[in-house]
Amino acid sequence: MDNEFDKTEEPLAEPSTEMPPAADSRFFRGFLSGLLTALLLVSVVVGGAALGRHMAKQQIQEQLPAQADSILTEEFIAEINAVYQRIGQYFLYGFDDKKLQDGMLSGMLNALDDPYSVYYNESALESFTNQTEGEYYGIGCVVNQNRTTGVVTIVKPYRGSPAYEAGLLPGDIVYAVGETEVSGMDLDQVVLMIKGDEGSVVRLSIVREGEEEMLYFDVERRQVEILTVEHEMLEGQIGYMAVSSFDGVTPAQFQAAFEELKTQGMRGLVIDMRDNGGGLLTAVEEMLDYLLPEGLIFYAKDKDGNRYLEYESDAAAALNVPLAVLVNGNTASAAEVFSGNIQDFGAGILVGTTTFGKGIMQNTYTTNPQGTRAVKLTVADYYIHSDRNIHGVGLTPDVEIELSEEAAGQAVPDKAQDNQLQEAVRRVREQLP
């Protein structure tokens, strides 16, 4: 079973059609039917939520506890209907019944005050599924959202992507997509708006530090294929591997790159986890099992404190050279599991800045018999080798160093100007025999 670590990524699309007001009971019946269905049937869809990620699905029916329907009191149902009737009688503009339904269900999830728990309507769930299966057209960049301010920021445009070609840079604030201001909007919905048909163009309004005026970028949507592991041999036979996400194909790419560097005479290694927002737990497990000696890698605890999903590495470890792992504030979730275990096992050092701090997991549950709508809920805390849960705290590097302004201003920093990378290389060389 693959478990989802939420990821700060690119994209999802949600069309809306305006319909005339209708002061009848269609909305109420639909809302009540949908909510009752949600309370009676849940279907677990567990997988990754990232660019090019493959989502494994497992359909499980389970009866929810009886107290779950206590919210549907007669008084509450009457109030819902009264609000709807007043909208139909007095609201100045036209409205869409379906959008009201979606809004009520989205509002229920928003009331949990958890940015990772969200509602997916039909179009959002379809796009989410396509995204995890690697079938999407977008602009090829990673985006992040500040959990406090709701500001959406570009983390990384991939080299050769439409975003990279258009001139978008790390740190650019996405103020609007098309005509819609997006700050404070659910990140999945922002991503949904950025995606679209192949060859279509999306306009991004960007706030960039140092620029007094708003910048506008018209970016063509294309099919984006991201190589999740890039590698090369640096001077002094120091291997370099950059892992952009943890997808289904990542472990095989990682092992192939590692073995190729070994055949080239690698004497030390730097693994770049900066701006890696996470991915599949199974991919992390497979990669760590390849590198680390025998020991516990990961376990989760549900809301009742029950421990489950334990993963361990075996005794065979391919890593026999000094290692440094590069991390930053956008190293999140599954990437923190990888980096934190390297640190906990003493297999290498972390270099860079404190990581994002996401130590919780989400599952996605369908809410109707057709499986076309769903909620994503935070369901567990997770812990790494040293029994650490890093949620809201992050990993503290062994060597703390900020990226220079010169390197930070580049979409893809030049390695010679990347002071964090150079420091990691220096630390690895110090450990060479």
Protein backbone atom coordinates (compact mmCIF):
# COMPACT_ATOMS: atom_id res chain seq x y z
CA MET A 1 0.00 0.00 0.00
CA ASP A 2 1.38 3.39 -0.95
CA ASN A 3 0.74 6.20 1.51
CA GLU A 4 0.43 9.80 0.61
CA PHE A 5 2.67 12.55 1.76
CA ASP A 6 1.14 15.77 0.59
CA LYS A 7 3.28 17.77 -1.72
CA THR A 8 3.61 21.38 -2.72
CA GLU A 9 3.27 21.02 -6.43
CA GLU A 10 1.79 21.99 -9.69
CA PRO A 11 -1.45 21.55 -10.83
CA LEU A 12 -5.49 20.77 -10.89
CA ALA A 13 -8.82 22.71 -13.12
CA GLU A 14 -12.27 23.46 -12.01
CA PRO A 15 -14.82 24.85 -14.46
CA SER A 16 -17.91 26.61 -13.12
CA THR A 17 -21.14 27.38 -14.94
CA GLU A 18 -23.61 30.03 -13.81
CA MET A 19 -27.23 28.87 -13.53
CA PRO A 20 -30.42 30.83 -12.79
CA PRO A 21 -31.74 30.86 -9.22
CA ALA A 22 -34.00 28.01 -8.27
CA ALA A 23 -35.77 28.29 -4.91
CA ASP A 24 -36.73 24.62 -4.72
CA SER A 25 -35.48 21.65 -2.75
CA ARG A 26 -33.05 20.22 -5.31
CA PHE A 27 -30.03 21.58 -3.46
CA PHE A 28 -31.26 20.40 -0.09
CA ARG A 29 -32.03 16.90 -1.34
CA GLY A 30 -28.67 16.69 -3.09
CA PHE A 31 -26.75 17.94 -0.09
CA LEU A 32 -28.53 15.61 2.32
CA SER A 33 -28.15 12.61 0.03
CA GLY A 34 -24.47 13.32 -0.54
CA LEU A 35 -23.73 13.84 3.14
CA LEU A 36 -25.60 10.70 4.20
CA THR A 37 -23.71 8.74 1.58
CA ALA A 38 -20.45 10.12 2.93
CA LEU A 39 -21.41 8.94 6.39
CA LEU A 40 -22.31 5.43 5.26
CA LEU A 41 -19.66 4.58 2.68
CA VAL A 42 -15.99 5.35 2.60
CA SER A 43 -13.53 4.10 0.05
CA VAL A 44 -9.81 4.44 0.71
CA VAL A 45 -7.65 5.73 -2.12
CA VAL A 46 -4.07 5.84 -0.94
CA GLY A 47 -1.31 7.28 -3.07
CA GLY A 48 1.05 10.09 -3.91
CA ALA A 49 0.03 13.61 -4.74
CA ALA A 50 2.86 14.85 -6.89
CA LEU A 51 3.98 15.63 -10.44
CA GLY A 52 4.33 12.42 -12.43
CA ARG A 53 3.40 10.30 -9.43
CA HIS A 54 1.60 6.98 -9.69
CA MET A 55 -1.27 6.47 -7.25
CA ALA A 56 -2.07 2.97 -5.98
CA LYS A 57 -5.75 2.49 -5.14
CA GLN A 58 -7.42 0.16 -2.71
CA GLN A 59 -11.20 0.11 -2.36
CA ILE A 60 -12.37 -0.62 1.18
CA GLN A 61 -15.93 -0.32 2.50
CA GLU A 62 -16.41 0.34 6.16
CA GLN A 63 -19.30 1.33 8.40
CA LEU A 64 -18.77 4.64 10.14
CA PRO A 65 -19.58 4.89 13.86
CA ALA A 66 -23.20 5.75 14.68
CA GLN A 67 -22.33 9.04 16.37
CA ALA A 68 -20.95 10.39 13.07
CA ASP A 69 -24.47 11.34 11.91
CA SER A 70 -25.22 13.43 15.00
CA ILE A 71 -24.49 16.61 13.05
CA LEU A 72 -27.69 16.13 11.02
CA THR A 73 -30.13 17.28 13.68
CA GLU A 74 -33.59 18.38 12.59
CA GLU A 75 -32.77 21.92 13.65
CA PHE A 76 -29.58 21.96 11.56
CA ILE A 77 -31.33 20.54 8.51
CA ALA A 78 -34.06 23.17 8.85
CA GLU A 79 -31.45 25.92 9.05
CA ILE A 80 -29.69 24.68 5.92
CA ASN A 81 -32.97 24.69 4.05
CA ALA A 82 -33.86 28.16 5.40
CA VAL A 83 -30.56 29.61 4.21
CA TYR A 84 -31.05 28.09 0.77
CA GLN A 85 -34.62 29.42 0.52
CA ARG A 86 -33.45 32.92 1.43
CA ILE A 87 -30.75 32.74 -1.25
CA GLY A 88 -33.38 31.77 -3.80
CA GLN A 89 -35.77 34.51 -2.69
CA TYR A 90 -33.45 37.46 -2.21
CA PHE A 91 -29.95 36.96 -3.65
CA LEU A 92 -29.33 39.62 -6.30
CA TYR A 93 -27.35 37.47 -8.74
CA GLY A 94 -27.68 34.06 -10.32
CA PHE A 95 -26.13 31.11 -8.56
CA ASP A 96 -25.22 27.50 -9.19
CA ASP A 97 -26.72 24.79 -6.96
CA LYS A 98 -23.72 22.53 -7.52
CA LYS A 99 -21.30 25.26 -6.44
CA LEU A 100 -23.33 25.74 -3.25
CA GLN A 101 -23.06 22.01 -2.54
CA ASP A 102 -19.32 22.05 -3.14
CA GLY A 103 -19.00 25.14 -0.98
CA MET A 104 -20.79 23.53 1.96
CA LEU A 105 -18.64 20.43 1.83
CA SER A 106 -15.47 22.47 1.35
CA GLY A 107 -16.49 24.61 4.29
CA MET A 108 -16.81 21.55 6.49
CA LEU A 109 -13.20 20.60 5.72
CA ASN A 110 -12.01 24.20 6.11
CA ALA A 111 -13.49 24.26 9.60
CA LEU A 112 -10.97 21.60 10.64
CA ASP A 113 -8.26 24.28 10.45
CA ASP A 114 -5.95 21.81 8.71
CA PRO A 115 -4.52 22.99 5.37
CA TYR A 116 -3.98 19.38 4.28
CA SER A 117 -7.61 18.27 4.72
CA VAL A 118 -9.65 19.25 1.65
CA TYR A 119 -12.74 18.33 -0.37
CA TYR A 120 -12.53 17.26 -4.03
CA ASN A 121 -15.53 17.64 -6.32
CA GLU A 122 -15.76 15.62 -9.53
CA SER A 123 -13.43 17.70 -11.68
CA ALA A 124 -10.88 18.21 -8.91
CA LEU A 125 -10.76 14.50 -8.05
CA GLU A 126 -10.41 13.51 -11.70
CA SER A 127 -7.56 15.96 -12.16
CA PHE A 128 -5.95 14.83 -8.89
CA THR A 129 -6.07 11.22 -10.07
CA ASN A 130 -4.65 12.12 -13.48
CA GLN A 131 -1.92 14.10 -11.79
CA THR A 132 -0.85 11.19 -9.60
CA GLU A 133 -0.85 8.91 -12.63
CA GLY A 134 1.40 11.29 -14.55
CA GLU A 135 -1.16 12.42 -17.12
CA TYR A 136 -1.33 16.19 -17.09
CA TYR A 137 -0.47 19.32 -18.95
CA GLY A 138 1.06 22.13 -16.95
CA ILE A 139 3.90 24.61 -16.83
CA GLY A 140 6.52 22.50 -15.03
CA CYS A 141 7.16 24.12 -11.68
CA VAL A 142 6.80 23.35 -8.00
CA VAL A 143 4.65 25.72 -5.96
CA ASN A 144 4.31 26.10 -2.20
CA GLN A 145 1.89 27.82 0.13
CA ASN A 146 2.68 29.54 3.40
CA ARG A 147 0.48 27.86 6.01
CA THR A 148 0.01 31.12 7.92
CA THR A 149 -0.44 33.76 5.20
CA GLY A 150 -1.88 31.61 2.40
CA VAL A 151 0.60 33.17 -0.05
CA VAL A 152 1.46 30.90 -2.99
CA THR A 153 5.09 30.95 -4.07
CA ILE A 154 7.03 29.35 -6.92
CA VAL A 155 9.65 27.06 -5.43
CA LYS A 156 11.35 25.70 -8.51
CA PRO A 157 10.81 25.88 -12.27
CA TYR A 158 12.20 22.73 -13.85
CA ARG A 159 14.95 23.23 -16.40
CA GLY A 160 13.53 23.23 -19.93
CA SER A 161 9.91 23.55 -18.73
CA PRO A 162 7.46 26.24 -19.94
CA ALA A 163 7.84 27.99 -16.57
CA TYR A 164 11.63 28.01 -16.93
CA GLU A 165 11.46 29.27 -20.52
CA ALA A 166 9.01 32.01 -19.54
CA GLY A 167 11.44 33.38 -16.94
CA LEU A 168 9.69 32.47 -13.69
CA LEU A 169 12.06 32.34 -10.70
CA PRO A 170 12.14 30.72 -7.26
CA GLY A 171 10.52 33.03 -4.74
CA ASP A 172 8.07 34.58 -7.21
CA ILE A 173 4.71 35.13 -5.50
CA VAL A 174 1.70 34.03 -7.55
CA TYR A 175 -0.79 36.86 -7.00
CA ALA A 176 -3.34 35.77 -9.60
CA VAL A 177 -4.03 33.01 -12.11
CA GLY A 178 -5.93 34.53 -15.00
CA GLU A 179 -8.27 37.07 -13.42
CA THR A 180 -8.52 35.26 -10.07
CA GLU A 181 -6.51 36.35 -7.04
CA VAL A 182 -5.23 33.18 -5.36
CA SER A 183 -3.68 34.17 -2.03
CA GLY A 184 -5.49 32.25 0.71
CA MET A 185 -7.14 29.91 -1.80
CA ASP A 186 -6.64 26.18 -1.27
CA LEU A 187 -3.37 25.21 -2.96
CA ASP A 188 -5.00 22.29 -4.79
CA GLN A 189 -7.43 24.73 -6.39
CA VAL A 190 -4.62 27.06 -7.42
CA VAL A 191 -2.80 24.14 -8.99
CA LEU A 192 -6.05 23.13 -10.68
CA MET A 193 -6.30 26.58 -12.28
CA ILE A 194 -2.72 26.48 -13.53
CA LYS A 195 -3.30 23.19 -15.33
CA GLY A 196 -5.24 23.00 -18.55
CA ASP A 197 -5.39 21.72 -22.12
CA GLU A 198 -2.20 21.13 -24.05
CA GLY A 199 -1.19 24.22 -25.98
CA SER A 200 -3.44 26.58 -24.02
CA VAL A 201 -1.95 29.59 -22.25
CA VAL A 202 -2.28 30.59 -18.60
CA ARG A 203 -1.54 34.13 -17.43
CA LEU A 204 0.23 34.41 -14.07
CA SER A 205 0.40 37.72 -12.20
CA ILE A 206 3.64 37.69 -10.26
CA VAL A 207 4.99 39.77 -7.39
CA ARG A 208 8.80 39.64 -7.43
CA GLU A 209 11.11 41.03 -4.81
CA GLY A 210 12.91 44.12 -6.08
CA GLU A 211 10.25 44.87 -8.71
CA GLU A 212 7.86 47.75 -8.03
CA GLU A 213 5.29 46.73 -10.64
CA MET A 214 3.33 43.52 -11.04
CA LEU A 215 4.88 41.15 -13.60
CA TYR A 216 2.73 39.20 -16.05
CA PHE A 217 3.71 35.90 -17.66
CA ASP A 218 1.73 34.14 -20.36
CA VAL A 219 2.86 30.51 -20.10
CA GLU A 220 1.95 27.76 -22.52
CA ARG A 221 0.74 24.51 -20.97
CA ARG A 222 2.58 21.45 -22.22
CA GLN A 223 3.01 17.85 -21.25
CA VAL A 224 5.80 17.92 -18.69
CA GLU A 225 7.99 14.91 -18.11
CA ILE A 226 10.28 15.34 -15.12
CA LEU A 227 13.35 13.18 -14.58
CA THR A 228 13.14 12.76 -10.81
CA VAL A 229 16.84 11.94 -10.36
CA GLU A 230 19.68 13.80 -12.08
CA HIS A 231 23.32 12.97 -11.48
CA GLU A 232 26.87 13.89 -12.46
CA MET A 233 30.42 13.47 -11.24
CA LEU A 234 31.93 16.60 -9.73
CA GLU A 235 35.60 17.45 -9.42
CA GLY A 236 37.54 15.18 -7.09
CA GLN A 237 35.32 12.17 -7.82
CA ILE A 238 32.47 13.52 -5.69
CA GLY A 239 29.17 12.21 -6.99
CA TYR A 240 26.16 14.53 -7.14
CA MET A 241 22.53 13.38 -7.24
CA ALA A 242 19.52 15.73 -7.25
CA VAL A 243 16.18 14.12 -6.33
CA SER A 244 13.22 16.34 -7.22
CA SER A 245 10.39 14.10 -5.97
CA PHE A 246 9.56 10.58 -4.81
CA ASP A 247 7.53 8.98 -7.60
CA GLY A 248 7.02 5.38 -8.56
CA VAL A 249 10.01 5.51 -10.92
CA THR A 250 12.35 7.31 -8.52
CA PRO A 251 13.93 4.30 -6.74
CA ALA A 252 15.01 2.68 -10.02
CA GLN A 253 16.38 5.99 -11.30
CA PHE A 254 18.18 6.55 -8.00
CA GLN A 255 19.82 3.13 -7.93
CA ALA A 256 20.85 3.36 -11.58
CA ALA A 257 22.44 6.77 -10.98
CA PHE A 258 24.19 5.56 -7.80
CA GLU A 259 25.64 2.51 -9.54
CA GLU A 260 26.78 4.56 -12.53
CA LEU A 261 28.61 6.98 -10.23
CA LYS A 262 30.22 4.02 -8.48
CA THR A 263 31.52 2.66 -11.79
CA GLN A 264 33.03 6.09 -12.46
CA GLY A 265 35.06 5.84 -9.26
CA MET A 266 32.90 7.83 -6.84
CA ARG A 267 34.77 8.57 -3.59
CA GLY A 268 32.10 10.70 -1.90
CA LEU A 269 28.49 11.68 -2.52
CA VAL A 270 26.19 14.71 -2.22
CA ILE A 271 22.43 14.10 -2.49
CA ASP A 272 20.39 17.25 -3.17
CA MET A 273 16.96 17.21 -1.47
CA ARG A 274 16.39 20.96 -1.68
CA ASP A 275 12.93 21.94 -2.93
CA ASN A 276 11.81 18.30 -2.83
CA GLY A 277 8.24 18.45 -1.51
CA GLY A 278 7.79 14.71 -0.94
CA GLY A 279 6.04 11.82 -2.63
CA LEU A 280 5.51 8.11 -2.11
CA LEU A 281 6.50 6.52 1.17
CA THR A 282 7.28 3.26 -0.62
CA ALA A 283 9.80 5.07 -2.82
CA VAL A 284 11.55 6.51 0.24
CA GLU A 285 11.55 3.12 1.94
CA GLU A 286 13.10 1.41 -1.09
CA MET A 287 15.82 4.04 -1.47
CA LEU A 288 16.72 4.08 2.23
CA ASP A 289 16.77 0.29 2.34
CA TYR A 290 19.32 0.44 -0.48
CA LEU A 291 21.57 2.85 1.43
CA LEU A 292 21.20 2.11 5.15
CA PRO A 293 22.09 -0.78 7.46
CA GLU A 294 19.41 -2.74 9.29
CA GLY A 295 17.03 -0.69 11.40
CA LEU A 296 13.66 1.03 11.74
CA ILE A 297 13.01 3.71 9.10
CA PHE A 298 9.47 4.83 9.75
CA TYR A 299 6.24 4.26 11.62
CA ALA A 300 2.92 6.06 11.95
CA LYS A 301 0.49 6.65 14.82
CA ASP A 302 -3.23 7.22 14.34
CA LYS A 303 -5.42 9.49 16.48
CA ASP A 304 -5.77 6.77 19.14
CA GLY A 305 -2.02 6.30 19.39
CA ASN A 306 -2.04 2.98 17.55
CA ARG A 307 1.27 2.31 15.84
CA TYR A 308 1.22 0.97 12.28
CA LEU A 309 2.94 1.16 8.88
CA GLU A 310 6.34 0.17 10.24
CA TYR A 311 9.16 0.03 7.70
CA GLU A 312 12.66 -1.29 8.27
CA SER A 313 15.83 -1.47 6.19
CA ASP A 314 17.72 -4.75 5.89
CA ALA A 315 21.36 -5.39 6.67
CA ALA A 316 22.63 -4.91 3.12
CA ALA A 317 23.73 -1.31 2.47
CA ALA A 318 25.23 0.01 -0.76
CA LEU A 319 26.50 3.25 0.77
CA ASN A 320 30.19 3.01 1.64
CA VAL A 321 31.40 6.56 0.93
CA PRO A 322 31.09 9.86 2.86
CA LEU A 323 27.68 11.48 2.30
CA ALA A 324 26.15 14.94 2.66
CA VAL A 325 22.47 15.69 2.02
CA LEU A 326 21.44 19.21 0.97
CA VAL A 327 18.17 20.48 2.51
CA ASN A 328 16.23 23.75 2.74
CA GLY A 329 12.90 25.15 3.86
CA ASN A 330 11.14 23.48 0.93
CA THR A 331 12.46 20.01 1.78
CA ALA A 332 9.23 18.49 3.04
CA SER A 333 7.40 15.35 4.06
CA ALA A 334 8.83 12.25 2.36
CA ALA A 335 12.05 14.18 1.62
CA GLU A 336 12.31 14.81 5.36
CA VAL A 337 11.86 11.09 6.04
CA PHE A 338 14.78 10.41 3.73
CA SER A 339 17.02 13.17 5.08
CA GLY A 340 16.13 12.62 8.73
CA ASN A 341 16.96 8.93 8.57
CA ILE A 342 20.33 9.64 6.96
CA GLN A 343 20.99 11.93 9.92
CA ASP A 344 19.60 9.51 12.54
CA PHE A 345 21.57 6.52 11.27
CA GLY A 346 24.76 8.59 11.13
CA ALA A 347 25.10 7.69 7.46
CA GLY A 348 25.76 11.29 6.45
CA ILE A 349 25.36 14.93 7.42
CA LEU A 350 22.69 17.47 6.49
CA VAL A 351 23.83 20.77 4.99
CA GLY A 352 21.64 23.83 4.36
CA THR A 353 18.71 25.33 6.27
CA THR A 354 15.93 23.96 8.50
CA THR A 355 13.42 21.87 6.57
CA PHE A 356 9.68 22.50 6.13
CA GLY A 357 8.44 20.32 9.00
CA LYS A 358 5.61 18.10 7.73
CA GLY A 359 5.29 15.07 9.97
CA ILE A 360 1.72 14.04 9.19
CA MET A 361 0.07 11.80 6.61
CA GLN A 362 -3.11 12.05 4.57
CA ASN A 363 -5.52 9.49 3.11
CA THR A 364 -8.13 10.21 0.44
CA TYR A 365 -11.66 8.83 0.91
CA THR A 366 -14.42 8.85 -1.69
CA THR A 367 -17.74 10.19 -0.45
CA ASN A 368 -20.31 8.92 -2.96
CA PRO A 369 -21.10 5.46 -4.40
CA GLN A 370 -19.73 6.44 -7.81
CA GLY A 371 -16.36 7.36 -6.30
CA THR A 372 -16.37 10.70 -8.12
CA ARG A 373 -16.05 12.96 -5.06
CA ALA A 374 -13.70 12.66 -2.11
CA VAL A 375 -12.18 14.17 0.98
CA LYS A 376 -8.51 14.14 1.86
CA LEU A 377 -7.93 13.93 5.61
CA THR A 378 -4.92 14.06 7.86
CA VAL A 379 -4.97 10.65 9.57
CA ALA A 380 -1.63 10.07 11.32
CA ASP A 381 1.59 11.43 12.72
CA TYR A 382 4.77 9.77 11.49
CA TYR A 383 8.08 9.10 13.20
CA ILE A 384 11.54 8.35 11.86
CA HIS A 385 14.39 6.18 13.18
CA SER A 386 15.08 8.14 16.38
CA ASP A 387 11.36 8.33 17.28
CA ARG A 388 11.33 11.92 16.02
CA ASN A 389 8.17 13.55 14.76
CA ILE A 390 9.27 16.69 12.95
CA HIS A 391 5.86 18.27 12.28
CA GLY A 392 6.02 22.03 12.66
CA VAL A 393 9.70 21.78 13.64
CA GLY A 394 11.61 20.38 10.68
CA LEU A 395 15.11 18.95 10.59
CA THR A 396 18.01 21.04 11.80
CA PRO A 397 21.05 20.65 9.51
CA ASP A 398 24.40 19.57 10.94
CA VAL A 399 25.90 22.42 8.94
CA GLU A 400 23.63 25.47 8.69
CA ILE A 401 24.30 27.74 5.73
CA GLU A 402 21.97 30.09 3.82
CA LEU A 403 21.95 30.09 0.02
CA SER A 404 23.72 33.19 -1.30
CA GLU A 405 21.65 35.93 -2.91
CA GLU A 406 23.51 35.37 -6.17
CA ALA A 407 22.53 31.70 -6.32
CA ALA A 408 19.00 32.31 -4.99
CA GLY A 409 18.27 34.66 -7.88
CA GLN A 410 18.80 31.93 -10.48
CA ALA A 411 16.09 29.51 -11.62
CA VAL A 412 18.67 26.71 -11.52
CA PRO A 413 21.76 27.86 -9.55
CA ASP A 414 25.11 27.49 -11.26
CA LYS A 415 27.03 24.85 -9.30
CA ALA A 416 30.12 27.03 -9.04
CA GLN A 417 28.01 29.81 -7.46
CA ASP A 418 25.93 27.46 -5.28
CA ASN A 419 27.57 28.04 -1.90
CA GLN A 420 25.47 25.39 -0.15
CA LEU A 421 26.56 22.75 -2.65
CA GLN A 422 30.17 23.86 -2.42
CA GLU A 423 30.04 23.61 1.38
CA ALA A 424 28.55 20.11 1.17
CA VAL A 425 31.30 19.04 -1.23
CA ARG A 426 33.93 20.49 1.09
CA ARG A 427 32.53 18.59 4.07
CA VAL A 428 32.50 15.33 2.11
CA ARG A 429 36.10 15.83 1.01
CA GLU A 430 37.13 16.34 4.65
CA GLN A 431 35.94 12.80 5.37
CA LEU A 432 37.82 11.12 2.53
CA PRO A 433 40.58 8.72 3.57
